[in-house]
N, C-alpha and C. Protein backbone atom coordinates (compact mmCIF):
# COMPACT_ATOMS: atom_id res chain seq x y z
N MET A 1 113.51 29.06 85.46
CA MET A 1 114.39 28.91 86.59
C MET A 1 115.80 28.54 86.12
N LYS A 2 115.91 27.62 85.18
CA LYS A 2 117.21 27.21 84.67
C LYS A 2 117.90 28.40 84.01
N THR A 3 117.14 29.20 83.28
CA THR A 3 117.70 30.36 82.60
C THR A 3 118.22 31.37 83.62
N ALA A 4 117.48 31.59 84.67
CA ALA A 4 117.91 32.52 85.71
C ALA A 4 119.20 32.02 86.38
N PHE A 5 119.26 30.70 86.61
CA PHE A 5 120.46 30.13 87.22
C PHE A 5 121.67 30.31 86.30
N GLU A 6 121.51 29.97 85.02
CA GLU A 6 122.62 30.09 84.07
C GLU A 6 123.05 31.55 83.90
N THR A 7 122.08 32.46 83.90
CA THR A 7 122.40 33.88 83.77
C THR A 7 123.20 34.34 84.98
N ARG A 8 122.82 33.86 86.12
CA ARG A 8 123.49 34.29 87.35
C ARG A 8 124.87 33.67 87.52
N TYR A 9 125.04 32.39 87.22
CA TYR A 9 126.27 31.69 87.56
C TYR A 9 127.18 31.35 86.37
N ASN A 10 126.72 31.45 85.17
CA ASN A 10 127.60 31.24 84.02
C ASN A 10 128.29 32.56 83.70
N PRO A 11 129.57 32.53 83.46
CA PRO A 11 130.26 33.78 83.16
C PRO A 11 129.83 34.32 81.79
N PRO A 12 129.75 35.63 81.66
CA PRO A 12 129.40 36.21 80.36
C PRO A 12 130.53 35.97 79.36
N GLY A 13 130.25 36.24 78.10
CA GLY A 13 131.19 35.98 77.02
C GLY A 13 132.54 36.65 77.20
N PHE A 14 132.55 37.90 77.66
CA PHE A 14 133.83 38.60 77.82
C PHE A 14 134.68 37.96 78.91
N MET A 15 134.04 37.34 79.91
CA MET A 15 134.79 36.65 80.96
C MET A 15 135.41 35.37 80.41
N LYS A 16 134.72 34.70 79.49
CA LYS A 16 135.30 33.51 78.88
C LYS A 16 136.55 33.88 78.10
N TYR A 17 136.51 35.03 77.45
CA TYR A 17 137.70 35.50 76.73
C TYR A 17 138.84 35.71 77.72
N GLN A 18 138.54 36.28 78.86
CA GLN A 18 139.56 36.51 79.89
C GLN A 18 140.13 35.19 80.40
N TYR A 19 139.25 34.21 80.63
CA TYR A 19 139.73 32.91 81.09
C TYR A 19 140.60 32.24 80.03
N ALA A 20 140.20 32.34 78.77
CA ALA A 20 141.00 31.76 77.68
C ALA A 20 142.35 32.45 77.60
N ASN A 21 142.34 33.76 77.75
CA ASN A 21 143.59 34.52 77.74
C ASN A 21 144.49 34.07 78.90
N ASP A 22 143.90 33.91 80.08
CA ASP A 22 144.66 33.44 81.24
C ASP A 22 145.21 32.04 81.01
N LEU A 23 144.39 31.18 80.41
CA LEU A 23 144.80 29.80 80.17
C LEU A 23 146.05 29.74 79.30
N PHE A 24 146.09 30.51 78.23
CA PHE A 24 147.20 30.41 77.29
C PHE A 24 148.36 31.37 77.60
N ASN A 25 148.18 32.26 78.52
CA ASN A 25 149.26 33.19 78.85
C ASN A 25 149.80 33.05 80.27
N THR A 26 149.25 32.15 81.05
CA THR A 26 149.73 31.94 82.41
C THR A 26 151.06 31.20 82.36
N LYS A 27 152.02 31.72 83.10
CA LYS A 27 153.35 31.12 83.17
C LYS A 27 153.57 30.54 84.56
N GLN A 28 154.43 29.55 84.65
CA GLN A 28 154.71 28.88 85.91
C GLN A 28 155.34 29.84 86.92
N GLY A 29 156.25 30.67 86.48
CA GLY A 29 156.90 31.62 87.38
C GLY A 29 157.62 30.91 88.51
N ASP A 30 157.38 31.35 89.74
CA ASP A 30 158.05 30.78 90.92
C ASP A 30 157.28 29.62 91.53
N SER A 31 156.12 29.30 90.99
CA SER A 31 155.33 28.22 91.59
C SER A 31 155.90 26.86 91.19
N SER A 32 155.56 25.87 91.96
CA SER A 32 156.03 24.52 91.67
C SER A 32 155.22 23.94 90.52
N VAL A 33 155.72 22.85 89.95
CA VAL A 33 155.00 22.17 88.87
C VAL A 33 153.63 21.71 89.37
N ASP A 34 153.59 21.16 90.58
CA ASP A 34 152.31 20.68 91.12
C ASP A 34 151.29 21.81 91.26
N ASP A 35 151.72 22.95 91.79
CA ASP A 35 150.80 24.08 91.94
C ASP A 35 150.33 24.59 90.59
N PHE A 36 151.26 24.70 89.66
CA PHE A 36 150.92 25.20 88.32
C PHE A 36 149.95 24.24 87.62
N CYS A 37 150.25 22.95 87.70
CA CYS A 37 149.40 21.96 87.03
C CYS A 37 148.04 21.81 87.72
N ALA A 38 147.92 22.18 88.97
CA ALA A 38 146.63 22.14 89.65
C ALA A 38 145.77 23.34 89.25
N LYS A 39 146.41 24.46 88.97
CA LYS A 39 145.67 25.68 88.62
C LYS A 39 145.14 25.64 87.18
N MET A 40 145.91 25.05 86.29
CA MET A 40 145.56 25.13 84.86
C MET A 40 144.25 24.41 84.48
N PRO A 41 143.94 23.23 85.01
CA PRO A 41 142.65 22.62 84.63
C PRO A 41 141.44 23.46 85.03
N LYS A 42 141.56 24.20 86.12
CA LYS A 42 140.46 25.08 86.52
C LYS A 42 140.20 26.13 85.45
N LEU A 43 141.30 26.72 84.93
CA LEU A 43 141.14 27.70 83.86
C LEU A 43 140.59 27.04 82.60
N GLY A 44 141.03 25.83 82.34
CA GLY A 44 140.55 25.10 81.16
C GLY A 44 139.07 24.79 81.23
N ARG A 45 138.57 24.45 82.41
CA ARG A 45 137.13 24.16 82.57
C ARG A 45 136.28 25.40 82.31
N GLU A 46 136.81 26.57 82.67
CA GLU A 46 136.05 27.80 82.49
C GLU A 46 135.75 28.09 81.02
N VAL A 47 136.61 27.62 80.12
CA VAL A 47 136.40 27.88 78.69
C VAL A 47 136.12 26.61 77.91
N ASN A 48 135.88 25.51 78.63
CA ASN A 48 135.61 24.22 78.01
C ASN A 48 136.73 23.81 77.05
N ALA A 49 137.97 24.00 77.47
CA ALA A 49 139.11 23.64 76.63
C ALA A 49 139.23 22.12 76.57
N SER A 50 139.61 21.62 75.41
CA SER A 50 139.81 20.18 75.26
C SER A 50 141.06 19.77 76.03
N VAL A 51 141.21 18.48 76.24
CA VAL A 51 142.37 17.96 76.95
C VAL A 51 143.64 18.31 76.19
N GLU A 52 143.58 18.21 74.88
CA GLU A 52 144.75 18.53 74.05
C GLU A 52 145.13 20.01 74.18
N MET A 53 144.15 20.91 74.18
CA MET A 53 144.42 22.34 74.34
C MET A 53 145.00 22.63 75.73
N LEU A 54 144.49 21.93 76.73
CA LEU A 54 145.00 22.09 78.08
C LEU A 54 146.47 21.67 78.14
N HIS A 55 146.80 20.54 77.49
CA HIS A 55 148.19 20.09 77.44
C HIS A 55 149.08 21.16 76.81
N PHE A 56 148.65 21.69 75.68
CA PHE A 56 149.44 22.73 75.00
C PHE A 56 149.62 23.95 75.89
N ALA A 57 148.56 24.36 76.58
CA ALA A 57 148.64 25.55 77.43
C ALA A 57 149.59 25.31 78.60
N VAL A 58 149.53 24.13 79.18
CA VAL A 58 150.41 23.83 80.32
C VAL A 58 151.86 23.77 79.86
N ILE A 59 152.13 23.07 78.78
CA ILE A 59 153.50 22.98 78.27
C ILE A 59 154.03 24.37 77.93
N ASN A 60 153.20 25.19 77.33
CA ASN A 60 153.60 26.56 76.97
C ASN A 60 153.94 27.38 78.21
N GLY A 61 153.25 27.14 79.32
CA GLY A 61 153.45 27.94 80.52
C GLY A 61 154.58 27.47 81.43
N LEU A 62 155.12 26.29 81.18
CA LEU A 62 156.19 25.78 82.03
C LEU A 62 157.47 26.58 81.83
N LYS A 63 158.35 26.52 82.81
CA LYS A 63 159.68 27.15 82.70
C LYS A 63 160.41 26.50 81.52
N PRO A 64 161.26 27.26 80.84
CA PRO A 64 161.89 26.74 79.60
C PRO A 64 162.61 25.41 79.76
N ASP A 65 163.39 25.22 80.82
CA ASP A 65 164.12 23.96 80.96
C ASP A 65 163.18 22.80 81.25
N ILE A 66 162.11 23.05 81.98
CA ILE A 66 161.11 22.00 82.25
C ILE A 66 160.32 21.71 80.97
N ARG A 67 159.96 22.77 80.25
CA ARG A 67 159.24 22.60 78.98
C ARG A 67 160.05 21.75 78.01
N ASN A 68 161.35 22.00 77.92
CA ASN A 68 162.20 21.21 77.02
C ASN A 68 162.19 19.74 77.40
N HIS A 69 162.26 19.47 78.68
CA HIS A 69 162.22 18.07 79.13
C HIS A 69 160.89 17.42 78.77
N VAL A 70 159.79 18.11 79.01
CA VAL A 70 158.47 17.56 78.75
C VAL A 70 158.26 17.33 77.25
N THR A 71 158.66 18.28 76.43
CA THR A 71 158.44 18.11 74.99
C THR A 71 159.30 16.98 74.42
N ARG A 72 160.48 16.73 74.99
CA ARG A 72 161.31 15.61 74.52
C ARG A 72 160.65 14.27 74.83
N THR A 73 159.91 14.20 75.93
CA THR A 73 159.27 12.94 76.31
C THR A 73 157.95 12.69 75.59
N GLN A 74 157.38 13.71 75.01
CA GLN A 74 156.12 13.63 74.26
C GLN A 74 155.02 12.88 75.04
N PRO A 75 154.57 13.46 76.16
CA PRO A 75 153.53 12.79 76.96
C PRO A 75 152.20 12.74 76.21
N THR A 76 151.47 11.66 76.42
CA THR A 76 150.17 11.51 75.75
C THR A 76 149.00 11.67 76.71
N THR A 77 149.26 11.52 78.01
CA THR A 77 148.19 11.68 79.00
C THR A 77 148.54 12.80 79.97
N TRP A 78 147.52 13.24 80.70
CA TRP A 78 147.72 14.30 81.68
C TRP A 78 148.71 13.84 82.76
N ASN A 79 148.55 12.61 83.22
CA ASN A 79 149.44 12.10 84.27
C ASN A 79 150.89 12.03 83.78
N ASP A 80 151.09 11.61 82.52
CA ASP A 80 152.44 11.59 81.96
C ASP A 80 153.03 13.00 81.90
N LEU A 81 152.21 13.95 81.47
CA LEU A 81 152.69 15.33 81.38
C LEU A 81 153.14 15.84 82.75
N VAL A 82 152.31 15.63 83.75
CA VAL A 82 152.64 16.10 85.10
C VAL A 82 153.87 15.37 85.63
N GLN A 83 153.93 14.06 85.41
CA GLN A 83 155.07 13.28 85.90
C GLN A 83 156.38 13.74 85.26
N HIS A 84 156.38 13.95 83.95
CA HIS A 84 157.59 14.40 83.26
C HIS A 84 157.95 15.84 83.65
N ALA A 85 156.94 16.66 83.92
CA ALA A 85 157.22 18.02 84.38
C ALA A 85 157.86 17.99 85.76
N ARG A 86 157.42 17.08 86.62
CA ARG A 86 158.04 16.95 87.95
C ARG A 86 159.50 16.52 87.82
N ILE A 87 159.75 15.57 86.94
CA ILE A 87 161.13 15.12 86.72
C ILE A 87 161.97 16.27 86.19
N GLY A 88 161.42 17.01 85.23
CA GLY A 88 162.13 18.18 84.70
C GLY A 88 162.42 19.21 85.76
N GLU A 89 161.48 19.38 86.69
CA GLU A 89 161.67 20.33 87.78
C GLU A 89 162.80 19.88 88.71
N MET A 90 162.87 18.58 88.98
CA MET A 90 163.93 18.07 89.84
C MET A 90 165.30 18.19 89.18
N CYS A 91 165.33 18.13 87.85
CA CYS A 91 166.60 18.18 87.13
C CYS A 91 167.03 19.60 86.78
N SER A 92 166.13 20.55 86.94
CA SER A 92 166.47 21.92 86.54
C SER A 92 167.37 22.58 87.57
N PRO A 93 168.32 23.39 87.10
CA PRO A 93 169.23 24.05 88.05
C PRO A 93 168.50 25.09 88.88
N VAL A 94 168.95 25.23 90.10
CA VAL A 94 168.35 26.20 91.01
C VAL A 94 169.17 27.48 90.93
N ALA A 95 168.51 28.57 90.65
CA ALA A 95 169.19 29.86 90.55
C ALA A 95 169.55 30.35 91.95
N PRO A 96 170.72 30.93 92.10
CA PRO A 96 171.07 31.46 93.42
C PRO A 96 170.17 32.64 93.77
N PRO A 97 169.92 32.82 95.04
CA PRO A 97 169.06 33.94 95.44
C PRO A 97 169.71 35.27 95.08
N THR A 98 168.90 36.16 94.59
CA THR A 98 169.40 37.49 94.22
C THR A 98 168.83 38.50 95.19
N ASP A 99 169.37 38.45 96.39
CA ASP A 99 168.93 39.36 97.44
C ASP A 99 169.85 40.58 97.41
N PRO A 100 169.34 41.74 97.00
CA PRO A 100 170.21 42.92 96.93
C PRO A 100 170.73 43.33 98.30
N THR A 101 170.00 43.02 99.35
CA THR A 101 170.48 43.40 100.68
C THR A 101 171.67 42.55 101.09
N LEU A 102 171.77 41.34 100.54
CA LEU A 102 172.90 40.48 100.84
C LEU A 102 174.20 41.10 100.35
N ALA A 103 174.19 41.67 99.16
CA ALA A 103 175.38 42.33 98.63
C ALA A 103 175.77 43.53 99.48
N VAL A 104 174.79 44.27 99.94
CA VAL A 104 175.06 45.43 100.79
C VAL A 104 175.66 44.98 102.11
N LYS A 105 175.10 43.92 102.69
CA LYS A 105 175.62 43.41 103.96
C LYS A 105 177.06 42.92 103.80
N LEU A 106 177.34 42.26 102.70
CA LEU A 106 178.70 41.79 102.44
C LEU A 106 179.67 42.96 102.31
N GLU A 107 179.24 44.00 101.65
CA GLU A 107 180.09 45.19 101.50
C GLU A 107 180.38 45.83 102.86
N VAL A 108 179.38 45.87 103.73
CA VAL A 108 179.57 46.44 105.07
C VAL A 108 180.58 45.60 105.85
N ILE A 109 180.48 44.29 105.75
CA ILE A 109 181.42 43.42 106.45
C ILE A 109 182.84 43.63 105.92
N GLN A 110 182.98 43.77 104.61
CA GLN A 110 184.30 44.01 104.02
C GLN A 110 184.88 45.33 104.52
N ASP A 111 184.06 46.37 104.61
CA ASP A 111 184.52 47.66 105.14
C ASP A 111 184.97 47.52 106.59
N GLN A 112 184.22 46.78 107.38
CA GLN A 112 184.58 46.58 108.79
C GLN A 112 185.92 45.84 108.91
N LEU A 113 186.14 44.85 108.04
CA LEU A 113 187.41 44.14 108.06
C LEU A 113 188.57 45.06 107.70
N LYS A 114 188.37 45.92 106.73
CA LYS A 114 189.41 46.89 106.36
C LYS A 114 189.72 47.81 107.54
N GLN A 115 188.69 48.29 108.22
CA GLN A 115 188.89 49.16 109.36
C GLN A 115 189.64 48.44 110.48
N LEU A 116 189.31 47.19 110.72
CA LEU A 116 189.99 46.43 111.77
C LEU A 116 191.45 46.20 111.44
N THR A 117 191.75 45.86 110.19
CA THR A 117 193.15 45.63 109.82
C THR A 117 193.94 46.93 109.87
N THR A 118 193.33 48.03 109.46
CA THR A 118 194.00 49.33 109.54
C THR A 118 194.26 49.71 110.99
N ALA A 119 193.28 49.51 111.84
CA ALA A 119 193.43 49.85 113.26
C ALA A 119 194.50 48.98 113.92
N SER A 120 194.57 47.71 113.58
CA SER A 120 195.57 46.85 114.20
C SER A 120 196.97 47.19 113.71
N LYS A 121 197.11 47.64 112.48
CA LYS A 121 198.42 48.06 111.97
C LYS A 121 198.87 49.33 112.67
N GLU A 122 197.96 50.23 112.96
CA GLU A 122 198.30 51.48 113.64
C GLU A 122 198.71 51.22 115.08
N ARG A 123 198.12 50.24 115.72
CA ARG A 123 198.44 49.93 117.12
C ARG A 123 199.76 49.18 117.26
N SER A 124 200.08 48.32 116.34
CA SER A 124 201.30 47.53 116.47
C SER A 124 202.50 48.34 116.01
N PRO A 125 203.61 48.28 116.80
CA PRO A 125 204.79 49.06 116.44
C PRO A 125 205.48 48.45 115.21
N PRO A 126 206.25 49.24 114.51
CA PRO A 126 206.97 48.70 113.37
C PRO A 126 207.92 47.60 113.81
N ALA A 127 208.34 46.76 112.92
CA ALA A 127 209.15 45.59 113.25
C ALA A 127 210.49 45.97 113.84
N ARG A 128 211.15 47.03 113.35
CA ARG A 128 212.46 47.39 113.90
C ARG A 128 212.36 47.85 115.35
N ASN A 129 211.24 48.52 115.71
CA ASN A 129 211.05 48.92 117.10
C ASN A 129 210.84 47.70 117.99
N VAL A 130 210.19 46.69 117.47
CA VAL A 130 209.97 45.48 118.23
C VAL A 130 211.31 44.81 118.52
N ALA A 131 212.16 44.73 117.51
CA ALA A 131 213.48 44.11 117.69
C ALA A 131 214.29 44.88 118.72
N ARG A 132 214.26 46.22 118.65
CA ARG A 132 215.00 47.04 119.61
C ARG A 132 214.47 46.82 121.03
N ARG A 133 213.16 46.73 121.19
CA ARG A 133 212.57 46.51 122.51
C ARG A 133 212.97 45.15 123.06
N GLN A 134 212.99 44.13 122.21
CA GLN A 134 213.38 42.80 122.66
C GLN A 134 214.84 42.80 123.12
N PHE A 135 215.69 43.50 122.40
CA PHE A 135 217.10 43.58 122.79
C PHE A 135 217.25 44.26 124.14
N VAL A 136 216.53 45.37 124.32
CA VAL A 136 216.60 46.10 125.59
C VAL A 136 216.11 45.22 126.72
N LEU A 137 215.05 44.45 126.52
CA LEU A 137 214.54 43.57 127.55
C LEU A 137 215.54 42.48 127.90
N GLN A 138 216.22 41.94 126.90
CA GLN A 138 217.22 40.91 127.16
C GLN A 138 218.37 41.47 127.98
N VAL A 139 218.83 42.67 127.64
CA VAL A 139 219.92 43.31 128.37
C VAL A 139 219.50 43.57 129.81
N ALA A 140 218.27 44.01 130.00
CA ALA A 140 217.79 44.31 131.34
C ALA A 140 217.71 43.06 132.20
N ARG A 141 217.44 41.92 131.58
CA ARG A 141 217.33 40.67 132.33
C ARG A 141 218.69 40.05 132.65
N THR A 142 219.70 40.47 131.94
CA THR A 142 221.05 39.91 132.15
C THR A 142 221.57 40.38 133.50
N PRO A 143 222.10 39.45 134.33
CA PRO A 143 222.59 39.85 135.65
C PRO A 143 223.82 40.75 135.51
N VAL A 144 223.89 41.66 136.38
CA VAL A 144 225.00 42.61 136.38
C VAL A 144 226.23 41.92 136.93
N LEU A 145 227.34 42.14 136.26
CA LEU A 145 228.60 41.54 136.71
C LEU A 145 229.23 42.42 137.78
N GLU A 146 229.65 41.84 138.83
CA GLU A 146 230.30 42.58 139.91
C GLU A 146 231.82 42.30 139.87
N ALA A 147 232.56 43.28 140.22
CA ALA A 147 234.03 43.08 140.27
C ALA A 147 234.41 42.70 141.69
N ASP A 148 235.18 41.65 141.82
CA ASP A 148 235.64 41.30 143.16
C ASP A 148 236.93 42.06 143.48
N ARG A 149 237.51 41.75 144.56
CA ARG A 149 238.69 42.49 145.00
C ARG A 149 239.87 42.36 144.04
N HIS A 150 239.92 41.31 143.34
CA HIS A 150 241.07 41.07 142.48
C HIS A 150 240.81 41.56 141.06
N GLY A 151 239.72 42.24 140.79
CA GLY A 151 239.42 42.74 139.46
C GLY A 151 238.73 41.72 138.56
N GLN A 152 238.40 40.59 139.15
CA GLN A 152 237.71 39.56 138.40
C GLN A 152 236.20 39.87 138.41
N HIS A 153 235.58 39.64 137.28
CA HIS A 153 234.13 39.84 137.21
C HIS A 153 233.41 38.54 137.50
N ARG A 154 232.37 38.64 138.25
CA ARG A 154 231.56 37.45 138.53
C ARG A 154 230.08 37.85 138.57
N ARG A 155 229.33 36.89 138.48
CA ARG A 155 227.87 37.11 138.44
C ARG A 155 227.28 37.03 139.78
């Protein structure tokens, strides 16, 4: 019965190789330190990795700036490793989002601004025409002088 159970539920040898490969080649990527550090012991248990091997695998898989922080602190326990990795994560710079659609949207907005400025320049008269119109309006508003009987002009 025990043999049947182990045959059914213990992974075959080639699967242990796969788990070991996953353990030493898994990278943190976009996941948080907590998520990454929670996943790694599961992979370590599948291949019966020692605590020291698990530490090496986790440090190897961390993002470079976090890894540098952790290796400088030289943690001796799992909790120290996780704690220093969290600190390294908080201190690491955040990369700006690289959304290609954002650049396209910005370009469209710039084109719209160019069209609006061009359209407003076409609608507004040149400056000399504006000055001439203002002069004509001032003359039109000026009261007409009338001549009285004696040739005197008055308003």
